[in-house]
Amino acid sequence: MKTQQKMMLLPTFLLLSFGGQAVLGHQEIPQKVQQAFTTKFPGAKKVKWEKENEIEWEAEFKINGVEYSANFLEDGSWQETEHEIKKNEVPVNILSILNTEFPGYKIDAAEISETAEGKFYEFELEKGKEEIEVILSWEGKLIKKEITKDEKD
């Protein structure tokens, strides 16, 4: 066998050697996490894993060209999925609520977050040097408002 052919077989050999389990650096992604991810997101492409903390893993991936992130606990339980949306994708009723509740603020970033409790809109809003994070329910009810940066910072 030529050297080039041997090198092409190396990734297959390594994958089989680890029993099909993904490995991130020196950390092995738990089998339960991988199974839960594959079941929930069968069409995911370009999956990249990161250990979020001692018990949580985050996968970044694409589905139909949209970038997502999803978090799973080590036992495989799904915690959250997020993906950014463009400002022009924010529904008119949600924009109206933002304009009424936070006059003068501009949307810096917008995401849709889904948890076991439901779907939410998450926004980073700016007004001058002040930045706030706002979470609205799918229906537009204010769930959270937190100042992340103000003029004193």
C-alpha atoms as a PDB file:
ATOM      1  CA  MET A   1       0.000   0.000   0.000  1.00  0.00           C
ATOM      2  CA  LYS A   2       1.290   3.453  -0.812  1.00  0.00           C
ATOM      3  CA  THR A   3       1.974   5.895   2.014  1.00  0.00           C
ATOM      4  CA  GLN A   4      -0.765   8.239   0.795  1.00  0.00           C
ATOM      5  CA  GLN A   5      -3.348   5.434   0.916  1.00  0.00           C
ATOM      6  CA  LYS A   6      -2.242   4.481   4.424  1.00  0.00           C
ATOM      7  CA  MET A   7      -2.647   8.088   5.571  1.00  0.00           C
ATOM      8  CA  MET A   8      -6.169   8.196   4.156  1.00  0.00           C
ATOM      9  CA  LEU A   9      -7.098   5.106   6.199  1.00  0.00           C
ATOM     10  CA  LEU A  10      -5.720   6.550   9.439  1.00  0.00           C
ATOM     11  CA  PRO A  11      -8.849   8.615  10.352  1.00  0.00           C
ATOM     12  CA  THR A  12     -11.064   5.541   9.834  1.00  0.00           C
ATOM     13  CA  PHE A  13      -8.770   3.425  12.004  1.00  0.00           C
ATOM     14  CA  LEU A  14      -8.762   6.053  14.758  1.00  0.00           C
ATOM     15  CA  LEU A  15     -12.535   6.358  14.698  1.00  0.00           C
ATOM     16  CA  LEU A  16     -12.957   2.585  14.958  1.00  0.00           C
ATOM     17  CA  SER A  17     -10.336   2.422  17.719  1.00  0.00           C
ATOM     18  CA  PHE A  18     -12.434   4.740  19.877  1.00  0.00           C
ATOM     19  CA  GLY A  19     -15.617   2.752  19.258  1.00  0.00           C
ATOM     20  CA  GLY A  20     -17.111   5.524  17.156  1.00  0.00           C
ATOM     21  CA  GLN A  21     -16.980   7.982  20.051  1.00  0.00           C
ATOM     22  CA  ALA A  22     -16.021  11.548  19.306  1.00  0.00           C
ATOM     23  CA  VAL A  23     -12.951  12.871  21.061  1.00  0.00           C
ATOM     24  CA  LEU A  24     -12.318  16.528  21.826  1.00  0.00           C
ATOM     25  CA  GLY A  25      -8.656  17.133  22.567  1.00  0.00           C
ATOM     26  CA  HIS A  26      -8.031  14.802  25.498  1.00  0.00           C
ATOM     27  CA  GLN A  27     -11.688  14.734  26.568  1.00  0.00           C
ATOM     28  CA  GLU A  28     -14.049  12.095  25.335  1.00  0.00           C
ATOM     29  CA  ILE A  29     -17.606  13.217  24.669  1.00  0.00           C
ATOM     30  CA  PRO A  30     -19.905  10.946  26.680  1.00  0.00           C
ATOM     31  CA  GLN A  31     -21.801   8.347  24.641  1.00  0.00           C
ATOM     32  CA  LYS A  32     -25.136   9.456  26.180  1.00  0.00           C
ATOM     33  CA  VAL A  33     -24.470  13.040  25.055  1.00  0.00           C
ATOM     34  CA  GLN A  34     -23.648  11.925  21.511  1.00  0.00           C
ATOM     35  CA  GLN A  35     -26.729   9.706  21.299  1.00  0.00           C
ATOM     36  CA  ALA A  36     -29.037  12.410  22.623  1.00  0.00           C
ATOM     37  CA  PHE A  37     -27.580  14.937  20.174  1.00  0.00           C
ATOM     38  CA  THR A  38     -27.905  12.587  17.171  1.00  0.00           C
ATOM     39  CA  THR A  39     -31.503  11.764  18.104  1.00  0.00           C
ATOM     40  CA  LYS A  40     -32.523  15.433  18.546  1.00  0.00           C
ATOM     41  CA  PHE A  41     -30.585  16.798  15.552  1.00  0.00           C
ATOM     42  CA  PRO A  42     -30.291  14.036  12.913  1.00  0.00           C
ATOM     43  CA  GLY A  43     -29.570  16.531  10.110  1.00  0.00           C
ATOM     44  CA  ALA A  44     -26.751  18.371  11.898  1.00  0.00           C
ATOM     45  CA  LYS A  45     -23.599  19.147   9.917  1.00  0.00           C
ATOM     46  CA  LYS A  46     -20.156  20.454  10.912  1.00  0.00           C
ATOM     47  CA  VAL A  47     -20.576  19.584  14.596  1.00  0.00           C
ATOM     48  CA  LYS A  48     -17.992  21.016  16.990  1.00  0.00           C
ATOM     49  CA  TRP A  49     -18.022  20.134  20.675  1.00  0.00           C
ATOM     50  CA  GLU A  50     -16.872  22.118  23.689  1.00  0.00           C
ATOM     51  CA  LYS A  51     -17.044  21.295  27.377  1.00  0.00           C
ATOM     52  CA  GLU A  52     -19.121  24.125  28.839  1.00  0.00           C
ATOM     53  CA  ASN A  53     -18.476  23.231  32.503  1.00  0.00           C
ATOM     54  CA  GLU A  54     -18.003  20.160  34.727  1.00  0.00           C
ATOM     55  CA  ILE A  55     -21.327  18.568  33.745  1.00  0.00           C
ATOM     56  CA  GLU A  56     -22.377  20.259  30.497  1.00  0.00           C
ATOM     57  CA  TRP A  57     -21.363  19.928  26.843  1.00  0.00           C
ATOM     58  CA  GLU A  58     -22.128  22.358  24.014  1.00  0.00           C
ATOM     59  CA  ALA A  59     -22.350  21.434  20.352  1.00  0.00           C
ATOM     60  CA  GLU A  60     -22.126  24.049  17.615  1.00  0.00           C
ATOM     61  CA  PHE A  61     -23.508  22.873  14.286  1.00  0.00           C
ATOM     62  CA  LYS A  62     -25.446  23.748  11.156  1.00  0.00           C
ATOM     63  CA  ILE A  63     -28.836  22.634   9.895  1.00  0.00           C
ATOM     64  CA  ASN A  64     -29.964  23.901   6.500  1.00  0.00           C
ATOM     65  CA  GLY A  65     -27.222  26.544   6.579  1.00  0.00           C
ATOM     66  CA  VAL A  66     -28.320  27.991   9.957  1.00  0.00           C
ATOM     67  CA  GLU A  67     -25.798  27.950  12.833  1.00  0.00           C
ATOM     68  CA  TYR A  68     -27.061  26.507  16.109  1.00  0.00           C
ATOM     69  CA  SER A  69     -25.698  25.674  19.533  1.00  0.00           C
ATOM     70  CA  ALA A  70     -27.179  23.064  21.862  1.00  0.00           C
ATOM     71  CA  ASN A  71     -26.299  22.142  25.423  1.00  0.00           C
ATOM     72  CA  PHE A  72     -26.533  18.699  27.012  1.00  0.00           C
ATOM     73  CA  LEU A  73     -25.729  17.419  30.490  1.00  0.00           C
ATOM     74  CA  GLU A  74     -23.378  14.450  30.788  1.00  0.00           C
ATOM     75  CA  ASP A  75     -26.355  12.121  31.321  1.00  0.00           C
ATOM     76  CA  GLY A  76     -27.594  13.108  27.841  1.00  0.00           C
ATOM     77  CA  SER A  77     -30.411  15.401  28.962  1.00  0.00           C
ATOM     78  CA  TRP A  78     -30.929  18.310  26.587  1.00  0.00           C
ATOM     79  CA  GLN A  79     -30.851  21.771  28.179  1.00  0.00           C
ATOM     80  CA  GLU A  80     -31.119  24.426  25.474  1.00  0.00           C
ATOM     81  CA  THR A  81     -30.826  25.165  21.785  1.00  0.00           C
ATOM     82  CA  GLU A  82     -30.058  28.649  20.427  1.00  0.00           C
ATOM     83  CA  HIS A  83     -29.660  30.234  17.041  1.00  0.00           C
ATOM     84  CA  GLU A  84     -29.201  33.804  15.926  1.00  0.00           C
ATOM     85  CA  ILE A  85     -31.815  35.536  13.835  1.00  0.00           C
ATOM     86  CA  LYS A  86     -31.499  38.629  11.708  1.00  0.00           C
ATOM     87  CA  LYS A  87     -33.117  41.837  12.907  1.00  0.00           C
ATOM     88  CA  ASN A  88     -35.576  41.698  10.013  1.00  0.00           C
ATOM     89  CA  GLU A  89     -36.689  38.223  11.190  1.00  0.00           C
ATOM     90  CA  VAL A  90     -37.971  39.542  14.531  1.00  0.00           C
ATOM     91  CA  PRO A  91     -41.806  39.528  14.405  1.00  0.00           C
ATOM     92  CA  VAL A  92     -43.529  42.921  14.255  1.00  0.00           C
ATOM     93  CA  ASN A  93     -45.386  42.371  17.550  1.00  0.00           C
ATOM     94  CA  ILE A  94     -42.100  41.618  19.347  1.00  0.00           C
ATOM     95  CA  LEU A  95     -40.445  44.699  17.801  1.00  0.00           C
ATOM     96  CA  SER A  96     -43.401  46.793  18.968  1.00  0.00           C
ATOM     97  CA  ILE A  97     -42.976  45.519  22.544  1.00  0.00           C
ATOM     98  CA  LEU A  98     -39.228  46.255  22.452  1.00  0.00           C
ATOM     99  CA  ASN A  99     -39.837  49.779  21.122  1.00  0.00           C
ATOM    100  CA  THR A 100     -42.464  50.454  23.807  1.00  0.00           C
ATOM    101  CA  GLU A 101     -40.598  48.922  26.762  1.00  0.00           C
ATOM    102  CA  PHE A 102     -37.091  50.042  25.733  1.00  0.00           C
ATOM    103  CA  PRO A 103     -37.438  53.309  23.785  1.00  0.00           C
ATOM    104  CA  GLY A 104     -34.263  54.482  22.084  1.00  0.00           C
ATOM    105  CA  TYR A 105     -32.560  51.080  22.283  1.00  0.00           C
ATOM    106  CA  LYS A 106     -31.332  49.366  19.134  1.00  0.00           C
ATOM    107  CA  ILE A 107     -31.033  45.619  18.629  1.00  0.00           C
ATOM    108  CA  ASP A 108     -27.380  44.579  18.629  1.00  0.00           C
ATOM    109  CA  ALA A 109     -28.066  40.811  18.530  1.00  0.00           C
ATOM    110  CA  ALA A 110     -31.156  38.612  18.447  1.00  0.00           C
ATOM    111  CA  GLU A 111     -31.535  34.892  19.146  1.00  0.00           C
ATOM    112  CA  ILE A 112     -34.219  32.301  19.530  1.00  0.00           C
ATOM    113  CA  SER A 113     -33.672  30.066  22.536  1.00  0.00           C
ATOM    114  CA  GLU A 114     -35.569  26.861  23.158  1.00  0.00           C
ATOM    115  CA  THR A 115     -35.603  25.060  26.523  1.00  0.00           C
ATOM    116  CA  ALA A 116     -37.877  22.548  28.211  1.00  0.00           C
ATOM    117  CA  GLU A 117     -39.920  25.567  29.383  1.00  0.00           C
ATOM    118  CA  GLY A 118     -40.561  26.756  25.819  1.00  0.00           C
ATOM    119  CA  LYS A 119     -39.237  29.154  23.178  1.00  0.00           C
ATOM    120  CA  PHE A 120     -37.883  32.588  23.973  1.00  0.00           C
ATOM    121  CA  TYR A 121     -36.444  35.621  22.225  1.00  0.00           C
ATOM    122  CA  GLU A 122     -33.108  36.847  23.595  1.00  0.00           C
ATOM    123  CA  PHE A 123     -31.873  40.310  22.682  1.00  0.00           C
ATOM    124  CA  GLU A 124     -28.799  42.388  23.309  1.00  0.00           C
ATOM    125  CA  LEU A 125     -29.942  46.018  23.150  1.00  0.00           C
ATOM    126  CA  GLU A 126     -27.806  49.159  22.991  1.00  0.00           C
ATOM    127  CA  LYS A 127     -28.480  52.807  23.742  1.00  0.00           C
ATOM    128  CA  GLY A 128     -25.340  54.905  23.649  1.00  0.00           C
ATOM    129  CA  LYS A 129     -22.843  53.173  25.919  1.00  0.00           C
ATOM    130  CA  GLU A 130     -25.531  51.245  27.785  1.00  0.00           C
ATOM    131  CA  GLU A 131     -26.166  47.609  26.891  1.00  0.00           C
ATOM    132  CA  ILE A 132     -28.892  45.379  28.263  1.00  0.00           C
ATOM    133  CA  GLU A 133     -29.891  41.777  27.792  1.00  0.00           C
ATOM    134  CA  VAL A 134     -33.607  41.148  27.430  1.00  0.00           C
ATOM    135  CA  ILE A 135     -35.498  37.875  27.287  1.00  0.00           C
ATOM    136  CA  LEU A 136     -39.095  37.798  26.066  1.00  0.00           C
ATOM    137  CA  SER A 137     -41.466  34.862  25.976  1.00  0.00           C
ATOM    138  CA  TRP A 138     -42.679  33.698  22.583  1.00  0.00           C
ATOM    139  CA  GLU A 139     -45.825  35.754  23.254  1.00  0.00           C
ATOM    140  CA  GLY A 140     -43.821  38.881  24.157  1.00  0.00           C
ATOM    141  CA  LYS A 141     -43.911  38.851  27.969  1.00  0.00           C
ATOM    142  CA  LEU A 142     -40.767  40.244  29.624  1.00  0.00           C
ATOM    143  CA  ILE A 143     -38.923  37.383  31.347  1.00  0.00           C
ATOM    144  CA  LYS A 144     -35.586  39.023  32.137  1.00  0.00           C
ATOM    145  CA  LYS A 145     -33.856  42.397  31.851  1.00  0.00           C
ATOM    146  CA  GLU A 146     -30.225  42.742  32.867  1.00  0.00           C
ATOM    147  CA  ILE A 147     -27.832  45.652  32.378  1.00  0.00           C
ATOM    148  CA  THR A 148     -24.660  44.182  30.943  1.00  0.00           C
ATOM    149  CA  LYS A 149     -22.732  47.414  30.428  1.00  0.00           C
ATOM    150  CA  ASP A 150     -23.425  51.013  31.353  1.00  0.00           C
ATOM    151  CA  GLU A 151     -21.672  54.352  30.959  1.00  0.00           C
ATOM    152  CA  LYS A 152     -19.701  53.857  34.216  1.00  0.00           C
ATOM    153  CA  ASP A 153     -17.982  50.683  32.922  1.00  0.00           C
END
